[in-house]
Amino acid sequence: MSVVIIGGHDRMVCQYMKICKEYKCKAKVFTQMSGNLRSQIGSPDLIILFTNTVSHKMAKCAVTEAERVNADIIRCHTSSGTALSEILESKCSTCTKNKKDCLKECCY
């Protein structure tokens, strides 16, 4: 599963990537607005929007892209690693094994 994380803290980028890797998700993390964010987002399966640490312009861009590529979007006020883990756990709730051993479609 491909995931794009919008918002969050710069110092947490490596942790976000590590958590996504544990769930066998390919991740892109954008903590700051870049001029070509719209083209960098691509067509992920899931967009996670950390609303407490994102600008309105960046949030609007993410929502527009999610609608354009028909991606799921999840808004979360907190940008902690635990919040990300809970989001990914809920998206992979159909897994019957430990997430690291899961081979179901939602986790790769």
PDB file of N, CA and C in Angstrom:
ATOM      1  N   MET A   1       0.857  -1.170   0.000  1.00  0.00           N
ATOM      2  CA  MET A   1       0.000   0.000   0.000  1.00  0.00           C
ATOM      3  C   MET A   1       0.898   1.225   0.000  1.00  0.00           C
ATOM      4  N   SER A   2       0.549   2.217  -0.788  1.00  0.00           N
ATOM      5  CA  SER A   2       1.322   3.456  -0.812  1.00  0.00           C
ATOM      6  C   SER A   2       0.607   4.515   0.028  1.00  0.00           C
ATOM      7  N   VAL A   3       1.406   5.220   0.815  1.00  0.00           N
ATOM      8  CA  VAL A   3       0.884   6.199   1.762  1.00  0.00           C
ATOM      9  C   VAL A   3       1.622   7.514   1.559  1.00  0.00           C
ATOM     10  N   VAL A   4       0.874   8.617   1.597  1.00  0.00           N
ATOM     11  CA  VAL A   4       1.478   9.940   1.607  1.00  0.00           C
ATOM     12  C   VAL A   4       1.061  10.608   2.905  1.00  0.00           C
ATOM     13  N   ILE A   5       2.053  11.102   3.636  1.00  0.00           N
ATOM     14  CA  ILE A   5       1.809  11.798   4.896  1.00  0.00           C
ATOM     15  C   ILE A   5       2.040  13.279   4.654  1.00  0.00           C
ATOM     16  N   ILE A   6       1.028  14.074   4.956  1.00  0.00           N
ATOM     17  CA  ILE A   6       1.104  15.520   4.785  1.00  0.00           C
ATOM     18  C   ILE A   6       1.072  16.151   6.173  1.00  0.00           C
ATOM     19  N   GLY A   7       2.093  16.954   6.479  1.00  0.00           N
ATOM     20  CA  GLY A   7       2.179  17.591   7.780  1.00  0.00           C
ATOM     21  C   GLY A   7       3.098  16.804   8.692  1.00  0.00           C
ATOM     22  N   GLY A   8       3.018  17.084   9.963  1.00  0.00           N
ATOM     23  CA  GLY A   8       3.899  16.432  10.916  1.00  0.00           C
ATOM     24  C   GLY A   8       5.124  17.284  11.193  1.00  0.00           C
ATOM     25  N   HIS A   9       6.030  16.735  11.953  1.00  0.00           N
ATOM     26  CA  HIS A   9       7.230  17.460  12.359  1.00  0.00           C
ATOM     27  C   HIS A   9       8.429  16.972  11.563  1.00  0.00           C
ATOM     28  N   ASP A  10       9.313  17.891  11.219  1.00  0.00           N
ATOM     29  CA  ASP A  10      10.516  17.547  10.458  1.00  0.00           C
ATOM     30  C   ASP A  10      11.329  16.462  11.156  1.00  0.00           C
ATOM     31  N   ARG A  11      11.435  16.557  12.467  1.00  0.00           N
ATOM     32  CA  ARG A  11      12.271  15.603  13.215  1.00  0.00           C
ATOM     33  C   ARG A  11      11.656  14.203  13.289  1.00  0.00           C
ATOM     34  N   MET A  12      10.402  14.065  12.872  1.00  0.00           N
ATOM     35  CA  MET A  12       9.716  12.770  12.937  1.00  0.00           C
ATOM     36  C   MET A  12       9.709  12.029  11.603  1.00  0.00           C
ATOM     37  N   VAL A  13      10.247  12.619  10.556  1.00  0.00           N
ATOM     38  CA  VAL A  13      10.168  12.025   9.221  1.00  0.00           C
ATOM     39  C   VAL A  13      10.716  10.599   9.206  1.00  0.00           C
ATOM     40  N   CYS A  14      11.885  10.387   9.813  1.00  0.00           N
ATOM     41  CA  CYS A  14      12.484   9.043   9.829  1.00  0.00           C
ATOM     42  C   CYS A  14      11.603   8.056  10.585  1.00  0.00           C
ATOM     43  N   GLN A  15      10.982   8.505  11.671  1.00  0.00           N
ATOM     44  CA  GLN A  15      10.090   7.619  12.427  1.00  0.00           C
ATOM     45  C   GLN A  15       8.834   7.287  11.624  1.00  0.00           C
ATOM     46  N   TYR A  16       8.277   8.284  10.929  1.00  0.00           N
ATOM     47  CA  TYR A  16       7.110   8.020  10.085  1.00  0.00           C
ATOM     48  C   TYR A  16       7.446   6.961   9.040  1.00  0.00           C
ATOM     49  N   MET A  17       8.599   7.109   8.403  1.00  0.00           N
ATOM     50  CA  MET A  17       9.020   6.154   7.372  1.00  0.00           C
ATOM     51  C   MET A  17       9.218   4.758   7.970  1.00  0.00           C
ATOM     52  N   LYS A  18       9.807   4.696   9.157  1.00  0.00           N
ATOM     53  CA  LYS A  18      10.051   3.415   9.822  1.00  0.00           C
ATOM     54  C   LYS A  18       8.731   2.720  10.171  1.00  0.00           C
ATOM     55  N   ILE A  19       7.781   3.481  10.689  1.00  0.00           N
ATOM     56  CA  ILE A  19       6.478   2.913  11.050  1.00  0.00           C
ATOM     57  C   ILE A  19       5.771   2.386   9.804  1.00  0.00           C
ATOM     58  N   CYS A  20       5.811   3.157   8.730  1.00  0.00           N
ATOM     59  CA  CYS A  20       5.175   2.710   7.485  1.00  0.00           C
ATOM     60  C   CYS A  20       5.842   1.449   6.958  1.00  0.00           C
ATOM     61  N   LYS A  21       7.146   1.377   7.080  1.00  0.00           N
ATOM     62  CA  LYS A  21       7.875   0.195   6.621  1.00  0.00           C
ATOM     63  C   LYS A  21       7.463  -1.041   7.422  1.00  0.00           C
ATOM     64  N   GLU A  22       7.206  -0.876   8.721  1.00  0.00           N
ATOM     65  CA  GLU A  22       6.757  -1.997   9.556  1.00  0.00           C
ATOM     66  C   GLU A  22       5.430  -2.563   9.054  1.00  0.00           C
ATOM     67  N   TYR A  23       4.609  -1.712   8.472  1.00  0.00           N
ATOM     68  CA  TYR A  23       3.315  -2.149   7.930  1.00  0.00           C
ATOM     69  C   TYR A  23       3.407  -2.457   6.438  1.00  0.00           C
ATOM     70  N   LYS A  24       4.633  -2.556   5.932  1.00  0.00           N
ATOM     71  CA  LYS A  24       4.893  -2.848   4.519  1.00  0.00           C
ATOM     72  C   LYS A  24       4.222  -1.835   3.593  1.00  0.00           C
ATOM     73  N   CYS A  25       4.270  -0.573   3.989  1.00  0.00           N
ATOM     74  CA  CYS A  25       3.718   0.510   3.183  1.00  0.00           C
ATOM     75  C   CYS A  25       4.855   1.347   2.607  1.00  0.00           C
ATOM     76  N   LYS A  26       4.710   1.722   1.355  1.00  0.00           N
ATOM     77  CA  LYS A  26       5.640   2.665   0.755  1.00  0.00           C
ATOM     78  C   LYS A  26       5.144   4.055   1.126  1.00  0.00           C
ATOM     79  N   ALA A  27       6.040   4.899   1.637  1.00  0.00           N
ATOM     80  CA  ALA A  27       5.603   6.194   2.154  1.00  0.00           C
ATOM     81  C   ALA A  27       6.377   7.351   1.559  1.00  0.00           C
ATOM     82  N   LYS A  28       5.651   8.445   1.385  1.00  0.00           N
ATOM     83  CA  LYS A  28       6.242   9.741   1.086  1.00  0.00           C
ATOM     84  C   LYS A  28       5.778  10.667   2.203  1.00  0.00           C
ATOM     85  N   VAL A  29       6.695  11.486   2.701  1.00  0.00           N
ATOM     86  CA  VAL A  29       6.356  12.388   3.797  1.00  0.00           C
ATOM     87  C   VAL A  29       6.665  13.816   3.361  1.00  0.00           C
ATOM     88  N   PHE A  30       5.672  14.689   3.517  1.00  0.00           N
ATOM     89  CA  PHE A  30       5.835  16.104   3.205  1.00  0.00           C
ATOM     90  C   PHE A  30       5.471  16.920   4.438  1.00  0.00           C
ATOM     91  N   THR A  31       6.471  17.483   5.092  1.00  0.00           N
ATOM     92  CA  THR A  31       6.211  18.289   6.285  1.00  0.00           C
ATOM     93  C   THR A  31       6.118  19.769   5.948  1.00  0.00           C
ATOM     94  N   GLN A  32       6.600  20.144   4.771  1.00  0.00           N
ATOM     95  CA  GLN A  32       6.573  21.541   4.374  1.00  0.00           C
ATOM     96  C   GLN A  32       6.056  21.637   2.941  1.00  0.00           C
ATOM     97  N   MET A  33       5.462  22.771   2.635  1.00  0.00           N
ATOM     98  CA  MET A  33       4.895  23.001   1.305  1.00  0.00           C
ATOM     99  C   MET A  33       6.017  23.289   0.313  1.00  0.00           C
ATOM    100  N   SER A  34       6.013  22.552  -0.778  1.00  0.00           N
ATOM    101  CA  SER A  34       6.939  22.847  -1.865  1.00  0.00           C
ATOM    102  C   SER A  34       6.119  23.324  -3.063  1.00  0.00           C
ATOM    103  N   GLY A  35       6.771  23.976  -3.975  1.00  0.00           N
ATOM    104  CA  GLY A  35       6.061  24.537  -5.117  1.00  0.00           C
ATOM    105  C   GLY A  35       5.365  23.500  -5.971  1.00  0.00           C
ATOM    106  N   ASN A  36       5.931  22.308  -6.064  1.00  0.00           N
ATOM    107  CA  ASN A  36       5.347  21.271  -6.924  1.00  0.00           C
ATOM    108  C   ASN A  36       4.797  20.102  -6.106  1.00  0.00           C
ATOM    109  N   LEU A  37       4.243  20.401  -4.947  1.00  0.00           N
ATOM    110  CA  LEU A  37       3.682  19.354  -4.079  1.00  0.00           C
ATOM    111  C   LEU A  37       2.632  18.542  -4.812  1.00  0.00           C
ATOM    112  N   ARG A  38       1.795  19.196  -5.579  1.00  0.00           N
ATOM    113  CA  ARG A  38       0.706  18.512  -6.279  1.00  0.00           C
ATOM    114  C   ARG A  38       1.239  17.380  -7.164  1.00  0.00           C
ATOM    115  N   SER A  39       2.326  17.625  -7.867  1.00  0.00           N
ATOM    116  CA  SER A  39       2.880  16.591  -8.748  1.00  0.00           C
ATOM    117  C   SER A  39       3.685  15.554  -7.974  1.00  0.00           C
ATOM    118  N   GLN A  40       4.207  15.919  -6.812  1.00  0.00           N
ATOM    119  CA  GLN A  40       4.997  14.980  -6.021  1.00  0.00           C
ATOM    120  C   GLN A  40       4.138  13.964  -5.280  1.00  0.00           C
ATOM    121  N   ILE A  41       2.896  14.312  -4.992  1.00  0.00           N
ATOM    122  CA  ILE A  41       2.014  13.404  -4.248  1.00  0.00           C
ATOM    123  C   ILE A  41       1.777  12.120  -5.035  1.00  0.00           C
ATOM    124  N   GLY A  42       1.596  12.225  -6.319  1.00  0.00           N
ATOM    125  CA  GLY A  42       1.377  11.030  -7.135  1.00  0.00           C
ATOM    126  C   GLY A  42      -0.026  10.477  -6.969  1.00  0.00           C
ATOM    127  N   SER A  43      -0.145   9.142  -6.967  1.00  0.00           N
ATOM    128  CA  SER A  43      -1.458   8.512  -6.816  1.00  0.00           C
ATOM    129  C   SER A  43      -1.395   7.431  -5.733  1.00  0.00           C
ATOM    130  N   PRO A  44      -1.374   7.844  -4.475  1.00  0.00           N
ATOM    131  CA  PRO A  44      -1.287   6.874  -3.377  1.00  0.00           C
ATOM    132  C   PRO A  44      -2.631   6.216  -3.090  1.00  0.00           C
ATOM    133  N   ASP A  45      -2.566   5.155  -2.289  1.00  0.00           N
ATOM    134  CA  ASP A  45      -3.792   4.499  -1.835  1.00  0.00           C
ATOM    135  C   ASP A  45      -4.411   5.268  -0.669  1.00  0.00           C
ATOM    136  N   LEU A  46      -3.556   5.927   0.114  1.00  0.00           N
ATOM    137  CA  LEU A  46      -3.999   6.597   1.338  1.00  0.00           C
ATOM    138  C   LEU A  46      -3.209   7.878   1.533  1.00  0.00           C
ATOM    139  N   ILE A  47      -3.905   8.952   1.880  1.00  0.00           N
ATOM    140  CA  ILE A  47      -3.260  10.205   2.266  1.00  0.00           C
ATOM    141  C   ILE A  47      -3.613  10.459   3.722  1.00  0.00           C
ATOM    142  N   ILE A  48      -2.585  10.640   4.540  1.00  0.00           N
ATOM    143  CA  ILE A  48      -2.778  10.943   5.953  1.00  0.00           C
ATOM    144  C   ILE A  48      -2.442  12.408   6.150  1.00  0.00           C
ATOM    145  N   LEU A  49      -3.381  13.152   6.695  1.00  0.00           N
ATOM    146  CA  LEU A  49      -3.235  14.588   6.877  1.00  0.00           C
ATOM    147  C   LEU A  49      -3.169  14.896   8.366  1.00  0.00           C
ATOM    148  N   PHE A  50      -2.001  15.311   8.832  1.00  0.00           N
ATOM    149  CA  PHE A  50      -1.835  15.710  10.237  1.00  0.00           C
ATOM    150  C   PHE A  50      -2.231  17.181  10.338  1.00  0.00           C
ATOM    151  N   THR A  51      -3.459  17.436  10.752  1.00  0.00           N
ATOM    152  CA  THR A  51      -4.062  18.758  10.647  1.00  0.00           C
ATOM    153  C   THR A  51      -3.473  19.794  11.591  1.00  0.00           C
ATOM    154  N   ASN A  52      -2.877  19.383  12.690  1.00  0.00           N
ATOM    155  CA  ASN A  52      -2.346  20.356  13.653  1.00  0.00           C
ATOM    156  C   ASN A  52      -1.072  21.022  13.141  1.00  0.00           C
ATOM    157  N   THR A  53      -0.349  20.366  12.251  1.00  0.00           N
ATOM    158  CA  THR A  53       0.956  20.867  11.834  1.00  0.00           C
ATOM    159  C   THR A  53       1.040  21.130  10.328  1.00  0.00           C
ATOM    160  N   VAL A  54      -0.075  21.462   9.735  1.00  0.00           N
ATOM    161  CA  VAL A  54      -0.079  21.678   8.287  1.00  0.00           C
ATOM    162  C   VAL A  54      -0.778  23.005   7.971  1.00  0.00           C
ATOM    163  N   SER A  55      -0.287  23.688   6.953  1.00  0.00           N
ATOM    164  CA  SER A  55      -0.912  24.946   6.555  1.00  0.00           C
ATOM    165  C   SER A  55      -2.219  24.671   5.819  1.00  0.00           C
ATOM    166  N   HIS A  56      -3.078  25.665   5.774  1.00  0.00           N
ATOM    167  CA  HIS A  56      -4.354  25.520   5.078  1.00  0.00           C
ATOM    168  C   HIS A  56      -4.123  25.254   3.594  1.00  0.00           C
ATOM    169  N   LYS A  57      -3.147  25.930   3.023  1.00  0.00           N
ATOM    170  CA  LYS A  57      -2.850  25.764   1.599  1.00  0.00           C
ATOM    171  C   LYS A  57      -2.402  24.333   1.303  1.00  0.00           C
ATOM    172  N   MET A  58      -1.568  23.794   2.171  1.00  0.00           N
ATOM    173  CA  MET A  58      -1.070  22.434   1.984  1.00  0.00           C
ATOM    174  C   MET A  58      -2.198  21.415   2.158  1.00  0.00           C
ATOM    175  N   ALA A  59      -3.048  21.641   3.139  1.00  0.00           N
ATOM    176  CA  ALA A  59      -4.184  20.748   3.376  1.00  0.00           C
ATOM    177  C   ALA A  59      -5.135  20.765   2.184  1.00  0.00           C
ATOM    178  N   LYS A  60      -5.412  21.935   1.657  1.00  0.00           N
ATOM    179  CA  LYS A  60      -6.307  22.053   0.499  1.00  0.00           C
ATOM    180  C   LYS A  60      -5.713  21.334  -0.712  1.00  0.00           C
ATOM    181  N   CYS A  61      -4.423  21.474  -0.909  1.00  0.00           N
ATOM    182  CA  CYS A  61      -3.745  20.788  -2.016  1.00  0.00           C
ATOM    183  C   CYS A  61      -3.866  19.271  -1.858  1.00  0.00           C
ATOM    184  N   ALA A  62      -3.663  18.772  -0.645  1.00  0.00           N
ATOM    185  CA  ALA A  62      -3.739  17.330  -0.383  1.00  0.00           C
ATOM    186  C   ALA A  62      -5.146  16.795  -0.622  1.00  0.00           C
ATOM    187  N   VAL A  63      -6.152  17.519  -0.151  1.00  0.00           N
ATOM    188  CA  VAL A  63      -7.534  17.082  -0.323  1.00  0.00           C
ATOM    189  C   VAL A  63      -7.909  17.074  -1.808  1.00  0.00           C
ATOM    190  N   THR A  64      -7.489  18.093  -2.532  1.00  0.00           N
ATOM    191  CA  THR A  64      -7.762  18.166  -3.972  1.00  0.00           C
ATOM    192  C   THR A  64      -7.137  16.982  -4.706  1.00  0.00           C
ATOM    193  N   GLU A  65      -5.894  16.665  -4.377  1.00  0.00           N
ATOM    194  CA  GLU A  65      -5.214  15.542  -5.021  1.00  0.00           C
ATOM    195  C   GLU A  65      -5.856  14.214  -4.644  1.00  0.00           C
ATOM    196  N   ALA A  66      -6.273  14.071  -3.379  1.00  0.00           N
ATOM    197  CA  ALA A  66      -6.940  12.838  -2.947  1.00  0.00           C
ATOM    198  C   ALA A  66      -8.212  12.613  -3.747  1.00  0.00           C
ATOM    199  N   GLU A  67      -8.974  13.683  -3.964  1.00  0.00           N
ATOM    200  CA  GLU A  67     -10.199  13.562  -4.751  1.00  0.00           C
ATOM    201  C   GLU A  67      -9.885  13.233  -6.213  1.00  0.00           C
ATOM    202  N   ARG A  68      -8.828  13.850  -6.738  1.00  0.00           N
ATOM    203  CA  ARG A  68      -8.468  13.652  -8.142  1.00  0.00           C
ATOM    204  C   ARG A  68      -8.056  12.209  -8.425  1.00  0.00           C
ATOM    205  N   VAL A  69      -7.273  11.609  -7.518  1.00  0.00           N
ATOM    206  CA  VAL A  69      -6.780  10.239  -7.742  1.00  0.00           C
ATOM    207  C   VAL A  69      -7.631   9.193  -7.030  1.00  0.00           C
ATOM    208  N   ASN A  70      -8.728   9.646  -6.400  1.00  0.00           N
ATOM    209  CA  ASN A  70      -9.644   8.749  -5.697  1.00  0.00           C
ATOM    210  C   ASN A  70      -8.943   7.979  -4.567  1.00  0.00           C
ATOM    211  N   ALA A  71      -8.111   8.684  -3.814  1.00  0.00           N
ATOM    212  CA  ALA A  71      -7.404   8.080  -2.681  1.00  0.00           C
ATOM    213  C   ALA A  71      -8.186   8.328  -1.399  1.00  0.00           C
ATOM    214  N   ASP A  72      -8.072   7.409  -0.465  1.00  0.00           N
ATOM    215  CA  ASP A  72      -8.659   7.624   0.858  1.00  0.00           C
ATOM    216  C   ASP A  72      -7.863   8.712   1.552  1.00  0.00           C
ATOM    217  N   ILE A  73      -8.550   9.535   2.331  1.00  0.00           N
ATOM    218  CA  ILE A  73      -7.853  10.557   3.114  1.00  0.00           C
ATOM    219  C   ILE A  73      -8.281  10.432   4.566  1.00  0.00           C
ATOM    220  N   ILE A  74      -7.302  10.438   5.436  1.00  0.00           N
ATOM    221  CA  ILE A  74      -7.570  10.361   6.875  1.00  0.00           C
ATOM    222  C   ILE A  74      -6.972  11.599   7.510  1.00  0.00           C
ATOM    223  N   ARG A  75      -7.808  12.308   8.256  1.00  0.00           N
ATOM    224  CA  ARG A  75      -7.350  13.501   8.966  1.00  0.00           C
ATOM    225  C   ARG A  75      -7.128  13.146  10.427  1.00  0.00           C
ATOM    226  N   CYS A  76      -5.995  13.578  10.961  1.00  0.00           N
ATOM    227  CA  CYS A  76      -5.665  13.305  12.351  1.00  0.00           C
ATOM    228  C   CYS A  76      -5.069  14.572  12.957  1.00  0.00           C
ATOM    229  N   HIS A  77      -5.568  14.966  14.116  1.00  0.00           N
ATOM    230  CA  HIS A  77      -5.095  16.204  14.739  1.00  0.00           C
ATOM    231  C   HIS A  77      -3.661  16.064  15.243  1.00  0.00           C
ATOM    232  N   THR A  78      -3.339  14.931  15.843  1.00  0.00           N
ATOM    233  CA  THR A  78      -1.989  14.760  16.380  1.00  0.00           C
ATOM    234  C   THR A  78      -1.074  14.154  15.328  1.00  0.00           C
ATOM    235  N   SER A  79       0.202  14.444  15.445  1.00  0.00           N
ATOM    236  CA  SER A  79       1.167  13.950  14.456  1.00  0.00           C
ATOM    237  C   SER A  79       2.202  13.040  15.109  1.00  0.00           C
ATOM    238  N   SER A  80       1.764  12.265  16.079  1.00  0.00           N
ATOM    239  CA  SER A  80       2.687  11.376  16.787  1.00  0.00           C
ATOM    240  C   SER A  80       2.858  10.055  16.041  1.00  0.00           C
ATOM    241  N   GLY A  81       3.895   9.344  16.395  1.00  0.00           N
ATOM    242  CA  GLY A  81       4.121   8.028  15.829  1.00  0.00           C
ATOM    243  C   GLY A  81       3.006   7.065  16.190  1.00  0.00           C
ATOM    244  N   THR A  82       2.505   7.191  17.404  1.00  0.00           N
ATOM    245  CA  THR A  82       1.407   6.331  17.858  1.00  0.00           C
ATOM    246  C   THR A  82       0.153   6.570  17.027  1.00  0.00           C
ATOM    247  N   ALA A  83      -0.130   7.828  16.727  1.00  0.00           N
ATOM    248  CA  ALA A  83      -1.303   8.143  15.904  1.00  0.00           C
ATOM    249  C   ALA A  83      -1.163   7.512  14.522  1.00  0.00           C
ATOM    250  N   LEU A  84       0.028   7.600  13.943  1.00  0.00           N
ATOM    251  CA  LEU A  84       0.269   6.989  12.636  1.00  0.00           C
ATOM    252  C   LEU A  84       0.103   5.476  12.707  1.00  0.00           C
ATOM    253  N   SER A  85       0.647   4.860  13.753  1.00  0.00           N
ATOM    254  CA  SER A  85       0.513   3.408  13.925  1.00  0.00           C
ATOM    255  C   SER A  85      -0.944   2.995  14.025  1.00  0.00           C
ATOM    256  N   GLU A  86      -1.730   3.759  14.763  1.00  0.00           N
ATOM    257  CA  GLU A  86      -3.153   3.440  14.917  1.00  0.00           C
ATOM    258  C   GLU A  86      -3.896   3.563  13.593  1.00  0.00           C
ATOM    259  N   ILE A  87      -3.539   4.567  12.801  1.00  0.00           N
ATOM    260  CA  ILE A  87      -4.174   4.741  11.490  1.00  0.00           C
ATOM    261  C   ILE A  87      -3.853   3.550  10.593  1.00  0.00           C
ATOM    262  N   LEU A  88      -2.578   3.195  10.530  1.00  0.00           N
ATOM    263  CA  LEU A  88      -2.183   2.072   9.674  1.00  0.00           C
ATOM    264  C   LEU A  88      -2.760   0.755  10.182  1.00  0.00           C
ATOM    265  N   GLU A  89      -2.847   0.604  11.495  1.00  0.00           N
ATOM    266  CA  GLU A  89      -3.440  -0.599  12.086  1.00  0.00           C
ATOM    267  C   GLU A  89      -4.909  -0.711  11.676  1.00  0.00           C
ATOM    268  N   SER A  90      -5.614   0.405  11.696  1.00  0.00           N
ATOM    269  CA  SER A  90      -7.035   0.364  11.318  1.00  0.00           C
ATOM    270  C   SER A  90      -7.214   0.066   9.831  1.00  0.00           C
ATOM    271  N   LYS A  91      -6.300   0.545   8.994  1.00  0.00           N
ATOM    272  CA  LYS A  91      -6.387   0.256   7.565  1.00  0.00           C
ATOM    273  C   LYS A  91      -6.017  -1.188   7.264  1.00  0.00           C
ATOM    274  N   CYS A  92      -5.210  -1.804   8.122  1.00  0.00           N
ATOM    275  CA  CYS A  92      -4.788  -3.192   7.932  1.00  0.00           C
ATOM    276  C   CYS A  92      -5.471  -4.108   8.936  1.00  0.00           C
ATOM    277  N   SER A  93      -6.657  -3.734   9.395  1.00  0.00           N
ATOM    278  CA  SER A  93      -7.336  -4.494  10.443  1.00  0.00           C
ATOM    279  C   SER A  93      -7.759  -5.884   9.991  1.00  0.00           C
ATOM    280  N   THR A  94      -7.726  -6.150   8.704  1.00  0.00           N
ATOM    281  CA  THR A  94      -8.102  -7.473   8.211  1.00  0.00           C
ATOM    282  C   THR A  94      -6.970  -8.484   8.355  1.00  0.00           C
ATOM    283  N   CYS A  95      -5.800  -8.012   8.753  1.00  0.00           N
ATOM    284  CA  CYS A  95      -4.652  -8.908   8.880  1.00  0.00           C
ATOM    285  C   CYS A  95      -4.845  -9.829  10.084  1.00  0.00           C
ATOM    286  N   THR A  96      -4.580 -11.108   9.892  1.00  0.00           N
ATOM    287  CA  THR A  96      -4.754 -12.060  10.980  1.00  0.00           C
ATOM    288  C   THR A  96      -3.442 -12.363  11.682  1.00  0.00           C
ATOM    289  N   LYS A  97      -2.339 -12.050  11.035  1.00  0.00           N
ATOM    290  CA  LYS A  97      -1.031 -12.307  11.628  1.00  0.00           C
ATOM    291  C   LYS A  97      -0.414 -11.022  12.125  1.00  0.00           C
ATOM    292  N   ASN A  98       0.738 -11.139  12.714  1.00  0.00           N
ATOM    293  CA  ASN A  98       1.520  -9.983  13.113  1.00  0.00           C
ATOM    294  C   ASN A  98       1.775  -9.134  11.872  1.00  0.00           C
ATOM    295  N   LYS A  99       1.688  -7.810  12.020  1.00  0.00           N
ATOM    296  CA  LYS A  99       1.808  -6.917  10.866  1.00  0.00           C
ATOM    297  C   LYS A  99       3.107  -7.105  10.097  1.00  0.00           C
ATOM    298  N   LYS A 100       4.167  -7.523  10.759  1.00  0.00           N
ATOM    299  CA  LYS A 100       5.454  -7.698  10.085  1.00  0.00           C
ATOM    300  C   LYS A 100       5.440  -8.929   9.183  1.00  0.00           C
ATOM    301  N   ASP A 101       4.568  -9.896   9.473  1.00  0.00           N
ATOM    302  CA  ASP A 101       4.480 -11.118   8.690  1.00  0.00           C
ATOM    303  C   ASP A 101       3.306 -11.109   7.714  1.00  0.00           C
ATOM    304  N   CYS A 102       2.542 -10.043   7.730  1.00  0.00           N
ATOM    305  CA  CYS A 102       1.330  -9.985   6.919  1.00  0.00           C
ATOM    306  C   CYS A 102       1.671  -9.912   5.438  1.00  0.00           C
ATOM    307  N   LEU A 103       0.976 -10.691   4.665  1.00  0.00           N
ATOM    308  CA  LEU A 103       1.184 -10.684   3.210  1.00  0.00           C
ATOM    309  C   LEU A 103      -0.100 -10.312   2.470  1.00  0.00           C
ATOM    310  N   LYS A 104      -1.083  -9.811   3.201  1.00  0.00           N
ATOM    311  CA  LYS A 104      -2.336  -9.434   2.553  1.00  0.00           C
ATOM    312  C   LYS A 104      -2.147  -8.146   1.758  1.00  0.00           C
ATOM    313  N   GLU A 105      -3.045  -7.928   0.832  1.00  0.00           N
ATOM    314  CA  GLU A 105      -2.936  -6.804  -0.095  1.00  0.00           C
ATOM    315  C   GLU A 105      -2.832  -5.454   0.610  1.00  0.00           C
ATOM    316  N   CYS A 106      -3.477  -5.294   1.755  1.00  0.00           N
ATOM    317  CA  CYS A 106      -3.470  -3.992   2.420  1.00  0.00           C
ATOM    318  C   CYS A 106      -2.100  -3.623   2.967  1.00  0.00           C
ATOM    319  N   CYS A 107      -1.211  -4.568   3.068  1.00  0.00           N
ATOM    320  CA  CYS A 107       0.083  -4.282   3.687  1.00  0.00           C
ATOM    321  C   CYS A 107       1.262  -4.355   2.715  1.00  0.00           C
ATOM    322  N   TYR A 108       1.010  -4.442   1.453  1.00  0.00           N
ATOM    323  CA  TYR A 108       2.125  -4.378   0.499  1.00  0.00           C
ATOM    324  C   TYR A 108       1.725  -3.662  -0.750  1.00  0.00           C
TER     325      TYR A 108
END
